[in-house]
């Protein structure tokens, strides 16, 4: 019975640590750029886009498709970086165990 109590305490501590880490990750951000930095996207650890910066020189009404591609590329990269950041930080806490559904 003593082992069970010990395991339950470890699980509770891990849950508390994970909740704290989730809060911290929501505050952390990652940045990605496209087109040599003319489009910059910042995403949070919650995998939400925080900001998009577009340099005025890349805005061309005759070539909207290029701007769309740059925004899409930077956004996808930012979201991937956010996902990698979360996986890395959660991996430190869980010792590499895959715990689906946490984020």
PDB file of N, CA and C in Angstrom:
ATOM      1  N   UNK A   1       0.832  -1.203   0.000  1.00  0.00           N
ATOM      2  CA  UNK A   1       0.000   0.000   0.000  1.00  0.00           C
ATOM      3  C   UNK A   1       0.865   1.251   0.000  1.00  0.00           C
ATOM      4  N   UNK A   2       2.035   1.152   0.655  1.00  0.00           N
ATOM      5  CA  UNK A   2       2.951   2.292   0.702  1.00  0.00           C
ATOM      6  C   UNK A   2       3.446   2.675  -0.667  1.00  0.00           C
ATOM      7  N   UNK A   3       3.689   1.654  -1.504  1.00  0.00           N
ATOM      8  CA  UNK A   3       4.142   1.938  -2.868  1.00  0.00           C
ATOM      9  C   UNK A   3       3.073   2.666  -3.669  1.00  0.00           C
ATOM     10  N   UNK A   4       1.813   2.277  -3.446  1.00  0.00           N
ATOM     11  CA  UNK A   4       0.713   2.914  -4.164  1.00  0.00           C
ATOM     12  C   UNK A   4       0.613   4.393  -3.789  1.00  0.00           C
ATOM     13  N   UNK A   5       0.747   4.698  -2.511  1.00  0.00           N
ATOM     14  CA  UNK A   5       0.720   6.104  -2.082  1.00  0.00           C
ATOM     15  C   UNK A   5       1.870   6.890  -2.696  1.00  0.00           C
ATOM     16  N   UNK A   6       3.024   6.266  -2.742  1.00  0.00           N
ATOM     17  CA  UNK A   6       4.201   6.916  -3.324  1.00  0.00           C
ATOM     18  C   UNK A   6       3.971   7.195  -4.812  1.00  0.00           C
ATOM     19  N   UNK A   7       3.414   6.213  -5.503  1.00  0.00           N
ATOM     20  CA  UNK A   7       3.144   6.384  -6.937  1.00  0.00           C
ATOM     21  C   UNK A   7       2.105   7.488  -7.153  1.00  0.00           C
ATOM     22  N   UNK A   8       1.068   7.503  -6.322  1.00  0.00           N
ATOM     23  CA  UNK A   8       0.027   8.534  -6.467  1.00  0.00           C
ATOM     24  C   UNK A   8       0.602   9.931  -6.232  1.00  0.00           C
ATOM     25  N   UNK A   9       1.498  10.057  -5.253  1.00  0.00           N
ATOM     26  CA  UNK A   9       2.124  11.352  -5.001  1.00  0.00           C
ATOM     27  C   UNK A   9       2.986  11.772  -6.195  1.00  0.00           C
ATOM     28  N   UNK A  10       3.690  10.813  -6.793  1.00  0.00           N
ATOM     29  CA  UNK A  10       4.515  11.114  -7.963  1.00  0.00           C
ATOM     30  C   UNK A  10       3.639  11.560  -9.136  1.00  0.00           C
ATOM     31  N   UNK A  11       2.505  10.888  -9.312  1.00  0.00           N
ATOM     32  CA  UNK A  11       1.590  11.252 -10.397  1.00  0.00           C
ATOM     33  C   UNK A  11       1.029  12.652 -10.165  1.00  0.00           C
ATOM     34  N   UNK A  12       0.648  12.951  -8.926  1.00  0.00           N
ATOM     35  CA  UNK A  12       0.122  14.284  -8.619  1.00  0.00           C
ATOM     36  C   UNK A  12       1.170  15.361  -8.855  1.00  0.00           C
ATOM     37  N   UNK A  13       2.405  15.091  -8.459  1.00  0.00           N
ATOM     38  CA  UNK A  13       3.478  16.069  -8.681  1.00  0.00           C
ATOM     39  C   UNK A  13       3.707  16.277 -10.181  1.00  0.00           C
ATOM     40  N   UNK A  14       3.689  15.189 -10.921  1.00  0.00           N
ATOM     41  CA  UNK A  14       3.875  15.287 -12.372  1.00  0.00           C
ATOM     42  C   UNK A  14       2.735  16.098 -13.005  1.00  0.00           C
ATOM     43  N   UNK A  15       1.518  15.889 -12.541  1.00  0.00           N
ATOM     44  CA  UNK A  15       0.377  16.658 -13.063  1.00  0.00           C
ATOM     45  C   UNK A  15       0.545  18.147 -12.759  1.00  0.00           C
ATOM     46  N   UNK A  16       1.006  18.447 -11.556  1.00  0.00           N
ATOM     47  CA  UNK A  16       1.238  19.851 -11.189  1.00  0.00           C
ATOM     48  C   UNK A  16       2.339  20.456 -12.042  1.00  0.00           C
ATOM     49  N   UNK A  17       3.410  19.688 -12.229  1.00  0.00           N
ATOM     50  CA  UNK A  17       4.522  20.172 -13.052  1.00  0.00           C
ATOM     51  C   UNK A  17       4.077  20.409 -14.493  1.00  0.00           C
ATOM     52  N   UNK A  18       3.236  19.511 -15.006  1.00  0.00           N
ATOM     53  CA  UNK A  18       2.756  19.652 -16.382  1.00  0.00           C
ATOM     54  C   UNK A  18       1.846  20.872 -16.528  1.00  0.00           C
ATOM     55  N   UNK A  19       1.005  21.093 -15.544  1.00  0.00           N
ATOM     56  CA  UNK A  19       0.115  22.261 -15.603  1.00  0.00           C
ATOM     57  C   UNK A  19       0.942  23.555 -15.585  1.00  0.00           C
ATOM     58  N   UNK A  20       1.974  23.577 -14.761  1.00  0.00           N
ATOM     59  CA  UNK A  20       2.847  24.749 -14.691  1.00  0.00           C
ATOM     60  C   UNK A  20       3.579  24.945 -16.018  1.00  0.00           C
ATOM     61  N   UNK A  21       4.066  23.842 -16.582  1.00  0.00           N
ATOM     62  CA  UNK A  21       4.778  23.926 -17.863  1.00  0.00           C
ATOM     63  C   UNK A  21       3.843  24.405 -18.974  1.00  0.00           C
ATOM     64  N   UNK A  22       2.604  23.928 -18.978  1.00  0.00           N
ATOM     65  CA  UNK A  22       1.642  24.364 -19.996  1.00  0.00           C
ATOM     66  C   UNK A  22       1.421  25.872 -19.921  1.00  0.00           C
ATOM     67  N   UNK A  23       1.334  26.386 -18.704  1.00  0.00           N
ATOM     68  CA  UNK A  23       1.179  27.846 -18.542  1.00  0.00           C
ATOM     69  C   UNK A  23       2.407  28.589 -19.067  1.00  0.00           C
ATOM     70  N   UNK A  24       3.589  28.047 -18.740  1.00  0.00           N
ATOM     71  CA  UNK A  24       4.822  28.693 -19.199  1.00  0.00           C
ATOM     72  C   UNK A  24       4.932  28.666 -20.718  1.00  0.00           C
ATOM     73  N   UNK A  25       4.539  27.537 -21.317  1.00  0.00           N
ATOM     74  CA  UNK A  25       4.652  27.411 -22.778  1.00  0.00           C
ATOM     75  C   UNK A  25       3.695  28.356 -23.499  1.00  0.00           C
ATOM     76  N   UNK A  26       2.569  28.654 -22.877  1.00  0.00           N
ATOM     77  CA  UNK A  26       1.631  29.584 -23.512  1.00  0.00           C
ATOM     78  C   UNK A  26       2.235  30.980 -23.627  1.00  0.00           C
ATOM     79  N   UNK A  27       3.158  31.285 -22.722  1.00  0.00           N
ATOM     80  CA  UNK A  27       3.800  32.597 -22.738  1.00  0.00           C
ATOM     81  C   UNK A  27       5.001  32.651 -23.678  1.00  0.00           C
ATOM     82  N   UNK A  28       5.586  31.489 -23.969  1.00  0.00           N
ATOM     83  CA  UNK A  28       6.766  31.450 -24.835  1.00  0.00           C
ATOM     84  C   UNK A  28       6.344  31.607 -26.299  1.00  0.00           C
ATOM     85  N   UNK A  29       7.253  32.179 -27.082  1.00  0.00           N
ATOM     86  CA  UNK A  29       6.962  32.354 -28.500  1.00  0.00           C
ATOM     87  C   UNK A  29       8.129  31.873 -29.352  1.00  0.00           C
ATOM     88  N   UNK A  30       7.818  31.566 -30.586  1.00  0.00           N
ATOM     89  CA  UNK A  30       8.826  31.227 -31.586  1.00  0.00           C
ATOM     90  C   UNK A  30       8.570  32.108 -32.800  1.00  0.00           C
ATOM     91  N   UNK A  31       9.608  32.316 -33.587  1.00  0.00           N
ATOM     92  CA  UNK A  31       9.516  33.214 -34.741  1.00  0.00           C
ATOM     93  C   UNK A  31       9.986  32.486 -35.993  1.00  0.00           C
ATOM     94  N   UNK A  32       9.317  32.736 -37.096  1.00  0.00           N
ATOM     95  CA  UNK A  32       9.728  32.183 -38.382  1.00  0.00           C
ATOM     96  C   UNK A  32       9.615  33.282 -39.428  1.00  0.00           C
ATOM     97  N   UNK A  33      10.498  33.222 -40.415  1.00  0.00           N
ATOM     98  CA  UNK A  33      10.471  34.213 -41.485  1.00  0.00           C
ATOM     99  C   UNK A  33      10.444  33.526 -42.838  1.00  0.00           C
ATOM    100  N   UNK A  34      10.022  34.271 -43.838  1.00  0.00           N
ATOM    101  CA  UNK A  34      10.034  33.778 -45.215  1.00  0.00           C
ATOM    102  C   UNK A  34      10.458  34.931 -46.118  1.00  0.00           C
ATOM    103  N   UNK A  35      10.964  34.563 -47.281  1.00  0.00           N
ATOM    104  CA  UNK A  35      11.369  35.584 -48.253  1.00  0.00           C
ATOM    105  C   UNK A  35      12.535  36.431 -47.764  1.00  0.00           C
ATOM    106  N   UNK A  36      13.441  35.822 -47.029  1.00  0.00           N
ATOM    107  CA  UNK A  36      14.585  36.562 -46.529  1.00  0.00           C
ATOM    108  C   UNK A  36      14.231  37.539 -45.420  1.00  0.00           C
ATOM    109  N   UNK A  37      13.135  37.293 -44.762  1.00  0.00           N
ATOM    110  CA  UNK A  37      12.753  38.116 -43.612  1.00  0.00           C
ATOM    111  C   UNK A  37      11.698  39.163 -43.921  1.00  0.00           C
ATOM    112  N   UNK A  38      11.179  39.192 -45.146  1.00  0.00           N
ATOM    113  CA  UNK A  38      10.155  40.187 -45.478  1.00  0.00           C
ATOM    114  C   UNK A  38       8.802  39.863 -44.849  1.00  0.00           C
ATOM    115  N   UNK A  39       8.616  38.587 -44.489  1.00  0.00           N
ATOM    116  CA  UNK A  39       7.420  38.181 -43.752  1.00  0.00           C
ATOM    117  C   UNK A  39       7.884  37.464 -42.492  1.00  0.00           C
ATOM    118  N   UNK A  40       7.401  37.938 -41.349  1.00  0.00           N
ATOM    119  CA  UNK A  40       7.779  37.336 -40.061  1.00  0.00           C
ATOM    120  C   UNK A  40       6.505  36.967 -39.304  1.00  0.00           C
ATOM    121  N   UNK A  41       6.460  35.728 -38.831  1.00  0.00           N
ATOM    122  CA  UNK A  41       5.310  35.247 -38.071  1.00  0.00           C
ATOM    123  C   UNK A  41       5.795  34.776 -36.702  1.00  0.00           C
ATOM    124  N   UNK A  42       5.079  35.186 -35.667  1.00  0.00           N
ATOM    125  CA  UNK A  42       5.387  34.765 -34.306  1.00  0.00           C
ATOM    126  C   UNK A  42       4.217  33.936 -33.801  1.00  0.00           C
ATOM    127  N   UNK A  43       4.545  32.737 -33.265  1.00  0.00           N
ATOM    128  CA  UNK A  43       3.515  31.845 -32.719  1.00  0.00           C
ATOM    129  C   UNK A  43       3.840  31.560 -31.258  1.00  0.00           C
ATOM    130  N   UNK A  44       2.790  31.281 -30.499  1.00  0.00           N
ATOM    131  CA  UNK A  44       2.972  30.964 -29.078  1.00  0.00           C
ATOM    132  C   UNK A  44       3.079  29.453 -28.893  1.00  0.00           C
ATOM    133  N   UNK A  45       3.457  29.067 -27.699  1.00  0.00           N
ATOM    134  CA  UNK A  45       3.500  27.648 -27.355  1.00  0.00           C
ATOM    135  C   UNK A  45       2.126  27.024 -27.338  1.00  0.00           C
ATOM    136  N   UNK A  46       1.108  27.850 -27.375  1.00  0.00           N
ATOM    137  CA  UNK A  46      -0.273  27.376 -27.469  1.00  0.00           C
ATOM    138  C   UNK A  46      -0.662  27.149 -28.920  1.00  0.00           C
ATOM    139  N   UNK A  47       0.310  27.319 -29.806  1.00  0.00           N
ATOM    140  CA  UNK A  47       0.151  27.159 -31.250  1.00  0.00           C
ATOM    141  C   UNK A  47      -0.858  28.146 -31.819  1.00  0.00           C
ATOM    142  N   UNK A  48      -0.787  29.359 -31.322  1.00  0.00           N
ATOM    143  CA  UNK A  48      -1.597  30.437 -31.875  1.00  0.00           C
ATOM    144  C   UNK A  48      -0.661  31.483 -32.470  1.00  0.00           C
ATOM    145  N   UNK A  49      -1.086  32.077 -33.563  1.00  0.00           N
ATOM    146  CA  UNK A  49      -0.294  33.127 -34.186  1.00  0.00           C
ATOM    147  C   UNK A  49      -0.431  34.384 -33.334  1.00  0.00           C
ATOM    148  N   UNK A  50       0.700  34.919 -32.913  1.00  0.00           N
ATOM    149  CA  UNK A  50       0.722  36.098 -32.051  1.00  0.00           C
ATOM    150  C   UNK A  50       0.831  37.365 -32.891  1.00  0.00           C
ATOM    151  N   UNK A  51       1.671  37.303 -33.928  1.00  0.00           N
ATOM    152  CA  UNK A  51       1.802  38.477 -34.789  1.00  0.00           C
ATOM    153  C   UNK A  51       2.315  38.079 -36.172  1.00  0.00           C
ATOM    154  N   UNK A  52       2.020  38.942 -37.137  1.00  0.00           N
ATOM    155  CA  UNK A  52       2.529  38.794 -38.501  1.00  0.00           C
ATOM    156  C   UNK A  52       3.044  40.161 -38.929  1.00  0.00           C
ATOM    157  N   UNK A  53       4.313  40.212 -39.324  1.00  0.00           N
ATOM    158  CA  UNK A  53       4.901  41.447 -39.831  1.00  0.00           C
ATOM    159  C   UNK A  53       5.223  41.253 -41.306  1.00  0.00           C
ATOM    160  N   UNK A  54       4.791  42.206 -42.100  1.00  0.00           N
ATOM    161  CA  UNK A  54       5.035  42.154 -43.544  1.00  0.00           C
ATOM    162  C   UNK A  54       5.734  43.442 -43.950  1.00  0.00           C
ATOM    163  N   UNK A  55       6.898  43.312 -44.559  1.00  0.00           N
ATOM    164  CA  UNK A  55       7.613  44.493 -45.029  1.00  0.00           C
ATOM    165  C   UNK A  55       6.853  45.119 -46.194  1.00  0.00           C
ATOM    166  N   UNK A  56       6.731  46.432 -46.196  1.00  0.00           N
ATOM    167  CA  UNK A  56       5.958  47.115 -47.254  1.00  0.00           C
ATOM    168  C   UNK A  56       6.462  46.807 -48.667  1.00  0.00           C
ATOM    169  N   UNK A  57       7.772  46.581 -48.807  1.00  0.00           N
ATOM    170  CA  UNK A  57       8.294  46.355 -50.162  1.00  0.00           C
ATOM    171  C   UNK A  57       7.825  45.051 -50.787  1.00  0.00           C
ATOM    172  N   UNK A  58       7.317  44.118 -49.990  1.00  0.00           N
ATOM    173  CA  UNK A  58       6.860  42.851 -50.555  1.00  0.00           C
ATOM    174  C   UNK A  58       5.391  42.910 -50.984  1.00  0.00           C
ATOM    175  N   UNK A  59       4.715  43.977 -50.606  1.00  0.00           N
ATOM    176  CA  UNK A  59       3.298  44.113 -50.965  1.00  0.00           C
ATOM    177  C   UNK A  59       3.194  44.652 -52.393  1.00  0.00           C
ATOM    178  N   UNK A  60       2.763  43.785 -53.271  1.00  0.00           N
ATOM    179  CA  UNK A  60       2.623  44.138 -54.686  1.00  0.00           C
ATOM    180  C   UNK A  60       1.222  43.725 -55.131  1.00  0.00           C
ATOM    181  N   UNK A  61       0.338  44.692 -55.413  1.00  0.00           N
ATOM    182  CA  UNK A  61      -1.036  44.343 -55.799  1.00  0.00           C
ATOM    183  C   UNK A  61      -1.110  43.461 -57.042  1.00  0.00           C
ATOM    184  N   UNK A  62      -0.057  43.497 -57.856  1.00  0.00           N
ATOM    185  CA  UNK A  62      -0.055  42.670 -59.063  1.00  0.00           C
ATOM    186  C   UNK A  62       0.445  41.253 -58.804  1.00  0.00           C
ATOM    187  N   UNK A  63       0.960  41.009 -57.592  1.00  0.00           N
ATOM    188  CA  UNK A  63       1.478  39.676 -57.275  1.00  0.00           C
ATOM    189  C   UNK A  63       1.075  39.277 -55.856  1.00  0.00           C
ATOM    190  N   UNK A  64      -0.204  39.218 -55.635  1.00  0.00           N
ATOM    191  CA  UNK A  64      -0.739  38.850 -54.320  1.00  0.00           C
ATOM    192  C   UNK A  64      -0.394  37.401 -53.983  1.00  0.00           C
ATOM    193  N   UNK A  65      -0.324  36.570 -55.007  1.00  0.00           N
ATOM    194  CA  UNK A  65      -0.054  35.151 -54.783  1.00  0.00           C
ATOM    195  C   UNK A  65       1.292  34.935 -54.086  1.00  0.00           C
ATOM    196  N   UNK A  66       2.299  35.718 -54.468  1.00  0.00           N
ATOM    197  CA  UNK A  66       3.611  35.571 -53.836  1.00  0.00           C
ATOM    198  C   UNK A  66       3.527  35.908 -52.339  1.00  0.00           C
ATOM    199  N   UNK A  67       2.829  36.972 -52.010  1.00  0.00           N
ATOM    200  CA  UNK A  67       2.675  37.344 -50.610  1.00  0.00           C
ATOM    201  C   UNK A  67       1.927  36.265 -49.837  1.00  0.00           C
ATOM    202  N   UNK A  68       0.908  35.717 -50.443  1.00  0.00           N
ATOM    203  CA  UNK A  68       0.176  34.626 -49.798  1.00  0.00           C
ATOM    204  C   UNK A  68       1.093  33.440 -49.520  1.00  0.00           C
ATOM    205  N   UNK A  69       1.932  33.100 -50.498  1.00  0.00           N
ATOM    206  CA  UNK A  69       2.861  31.981 -50.320  1.00  0.00           C
ATOM    207  C   UNK A  69       3.848  32.253 -49.190  1.00  0.00           C
ATOM    208  N   UNK A  70       4.353  33.482 -49.118  1.00  0.00           N
ATOM    209  CA  UNK A  70       5.305  33.840 -48.067  1.00  0.00           C
ATOM    210  C   UNK A  70       4.656  33.756 -46.687  1.00  0.00           C
ATOM    211  N   UNK A  71       3.436  34.251 -46.586  1.00  0.00           N
ATOM    212  CA  UNK A  71       2.721  34.201 -45.301  1.00  0.00           C
ATOM    213  C   UNK A  71       2.461  32.752 -44.903  1.00  0.00           C
ATOM    214  N   UNK A  72       2.048  31.956 -45.866  1.00  0.00           N
ATOM    215  CA  UNK A  72       1.779  30.549 -45.577  1.00  0.00           C
ATOM    216  C   UNK A  72       3.049  29.831 -45.133  1.00  0.00           C
ATOM    217  N   UNK A  73       4.155  30.069 -45.825  1.00  0.00           N
ATOM    218  CA  UNK A  73       5.418  29.406 -45.471  1.00  0.00           C
ATOM    219  C   UNK A  73       5.870  29.805 -44.075  1.00  0.00           C
ATOM    220  N   UNK A  74       5.834  31.093 -43.772  1.00  0.00           N
ATOM    221  CA  UNK A  74       6.269  31.557 -42.457  1.00  0.00           C
ATOM    222  C   UNK A  74       5.338  31.046 -41.359  1.00  0.00           C
ATOM    223  N   UNK A  75       4.044  31.022 -41.640  1.00  0.00           N
ATOM    224  CA  UNK A  75       3.073  30.535 -40.650  1.00  0.00           C
ATOM    225  C   UNK A  75       3.277  29.050 -40.366  1.00  0.00           C
ATOM    226  N   UNK A  76       3.429  28.272 -41.417  1.00  0.00           N
ATOM    227  CA  UNK A  76       3.646  26.831 -41.223  1.00  0.00           C
ATOM    228  C   UNK A  76       4.928  26.569 -40.438  1.00  0.00           C
ATOM    229  N   UNK A  77       5.977  27.321 -40.757  1.00  0.00           N
ATOM    230  CA  UNK A  77       7.240  27.134 -40.041  1.00  0.00           C
ATOM    231  C   UNK A  77       7.093  27.540 -38.567  1.00  0.00           C
ATOM    232  N   UNK A  78       6.418  28.634 -38.308  1.00  0.00           N
ATOM    233  CA  UNK A  78       6.225  29.082 -36.924  1.00  0.00           C
ATOM    234  C   UNK A  78       5.433  28.055 -36.118  1.00  0.00           C
ATOM    235  N   UNK A  79       4.382  27.518 -36.719  1.00  0.00           N
ATOM    236  CA  UNK A  79       3.577  26.513 -36.018  1.00  0.00           C
ATOM    237  C   UNK A  79       4.373  25.233 -35.772  1.00  0.00           C
ATOM    238  N   UNK A  80       5.222  24.864 -36.743  1.00  0.00           N
ATOM    239  CA  UNK A  80       6.072  23.678 -36.552  1.00  0.00           C
ATOM    240  C   UNK A  80       7.080  23.919 -35.425  1.00  0.00           C
ATOM    241  N   UNK A  81       7.666  25.114 -35.411  1.00  0.00           N
ATOM    242  CA  UNK A  81       8.612  25.445 -34.341  1.00  0.00           C
ATOM    243  C   UNK A  81       7.913  25.427 -32.978  1.00  0.00           C
ATOM    244  N   UNK A  82       6.687  25.926 -32.927  1.00  0.00           N
ATOM    245  CA  UNK A  82       5.936  25.924 -31.667  1.00  0.00           C
ATOM    246  C   UNK A  82       5.679  24.491 -31.214  1.00  0.00           C
ATOM    247  N   UNK A  83       5.299  23.650 -32.162  1.00  0.00           N
ATOM    248  CA  UNK A  83       5.045  22.247 -31.830  1.00  0.00           C
ATOM    249  C   UNK A  83       6.321  21.563 -31.356  1.00  0.00           C
ATOM    250  N   UNK A  84       7.438  21.841 -32.016  1.00  0.00           N
ATOM    251  CA  UNK A  84       8.717  21.260 -31.610  1.00  0.00           C
ATOM    252  C   UNK A  84       9.114  21.737 -30.215  1.00  0.00           C
ATOM    253  N   UNK A  85       8.885  23.032 -29.944  1.00  0.00           N
ATOM    254  CA  UNK A  85       9.224  23.585 -28.633  1.00  0.00           C
ATOM    255  C   UNK A  85       8.413  22.888 -27.539  1.00  0.00           C
ATOM    256  N   UNK A  86       7.132  22.719 -27.784  1.00  0.00           N
ATOM    257  CA  UNK A  86       6.262  22.061 -26.801  1.00  0.00           C
ATOM    258  C   UNK A  86       6.702  20.615 -26.592  1.00  0.00           C
ATOM    259  N   UNK A  87       6.985  19.907 -27.680  1.00  0.00           N
ATOM    260  CA  UNK A  87       7.396  18.509 -27.571  1.00  0.00           C
ATOM    261  C   UNK A  87       8.709  18.390 -26.807  1.00  0.00           C
ATOM    262  N   UNK A  88       9.630  19.300 -27.074  1.00  0.00           N
ATOM    263  CA  UNK A  88      10.924  19.269 -26.392  1.00  0.00           C
ATOM    264  C   UNK A  88      10.757  19.524 -24.893  1.00  0.00           C
ATOM    265  N   UNK A  89       9.980  20.537 -24.555  1.00  0.00           N
ATOM    266  CA  UNK A  89       9.801  20.869 -23.137  1.00  0.00           C
ATOM    267  C   UNK A  89       9.015  19.786 -22.404  1.00  0.00           C
ATOM    268  N   UNK A  90       7.993  19.243 -23.047  1.00  0.00           N
ATOM    269  CA  UNK A  90       7.226  18.173 -22.419  1.00  0.00           C
ATOM    270  C   UNK A  90       8.082  16.915 -22.293  1.00  0.00           C
ATOM    271  N   UNK A  91       8.957  16.682 -23.254  1.00  0.00           N
ATOM    272  CA  UNK A  91       9.854  15.529 -23.205  1.00  0.00           C
ATOM    273  C   UNK A  91      10.781  15.586 -22.009  1.00  0.00           C
ATOM    274  N   UNK A  92      11.208  16.796 -21.658  1.00  0.00           N
ATOM    275  CA  UNK A  92      12.071  16.949 -20.484  1.00  0.00           C
ATOM    276  C   UNK A  92      11.321  16.541 -19.223  1.00  0.00           C
ATOM    277  N   UNK A  93      10.047  16.857 -19.176  1.00  0.00           N
ATOM    278  CA  UNK A  93       9.239  16.578 -17.992  1.00  0.00           C
ATOM    279  C   UNK A  93       8.821  15.114 -17.909  1.00  0.00           C
ATOM    280  N   UNK A  94       8.473  14.545 -19.054  1.00  0.00           N
ATOM    281  CA  UNK A  94       7.951  13.180 -19.054  1.00  0.00           C
ATOM    282  C   UNK A  94       9.023  12.130 -19.323  1.00  0.00           C
ATOM    283  N   UNK A  95      10.235  12.578 -19.531  1.00  0.00           N
ATOM    284  CA  UNK A  95      11.313  11.630 -19.788  1.00  0.00           C
ATOM    285  C   UNK A  95      11.175  10.947 -21.128  1.00  0.00           C
ATOM    286  N   UNK A  96      10.559  11.627 -22.068  1.00  0.00           N
ATOM    287  CA  UNK A  96      10.427  11.093 -23.414  1.00  0.00           C
ATOM    288  C   UNK A  96       9.164  10.296 -23.645  1.00  0.00           C
ATOM    289  N   UNK A  97       8.331  10.129 -22.607  1.00  0.00           N
ATOM    290  CA  UNK A  97       7.072   9.414 -22.814  1.00  0.00           C
ATOM    291  C   UNK A  97       6.146  10.262 -23.671  1.00  0.00           C
ATOM    292  N   UNK A  98       5.516   9.648 -24.627  1.00  0.00           N
ATOM    293  CA  UNK A  98       4.562  10.353 -25.460  1.00  0.00           C
ATOM    294  C   UNK A  98       3.220  10.386 -24.742  1.00  0.00           C
ATOM    295  N   UNK A  99       2.748  11.580 -24.417  1.00  0.00           N
ATOM    296  CA  UNK A  99       1.490  11.711 -23.695  1.00  0.00           C
ATOM    297  C   UNK A  99       0.525  12.504 -24.556  1.00  0.00           C
ATOM    298  N   UNK A 100      -0.160  11.808 -25.472  1.00  0.00           N
ATOM    299  CA  UNK A 100      -1.040  12.505 -26.405  1.00  0.00           C
ATOM    300  C   UNK A 100      -2.183  13.245 -25.707  1.00  0.00           C
ATOM    301  N   UNK A 101      -2.596  14.325 -26.339  1.00  0.00           N
ATOM    302  CA  UNK A 101      -3.744  15.056 -25.837  1.00  0.00           C
ATOM    303  C   UNK A 101      -3.422  16.109 -24.799  1.00  0.00           C
ATOM    304  N   UNK A 102      -2.128  16.293 -24.499  1.00  0.00           N
ATOM    305  CA  UNK A 102      -1.789  17.300 -23.500  1.00  0.00           C
ATOM    306  C   UNK A 102      -1.898  18.697 -24.066  1.00  0.00           C
ATOM    307  N   UNK A 103      -1.623  18.868 -25.359  1.00  0.00           N
ATOM    308  CA  UNK A 103      -1.743  20.175 -25.998  1.00  0.00           C
ATOM    309  C   UNK A 103      -2.577  20.051 -27.230  1.00  0.00           C
TER     310      UNK A 103
END
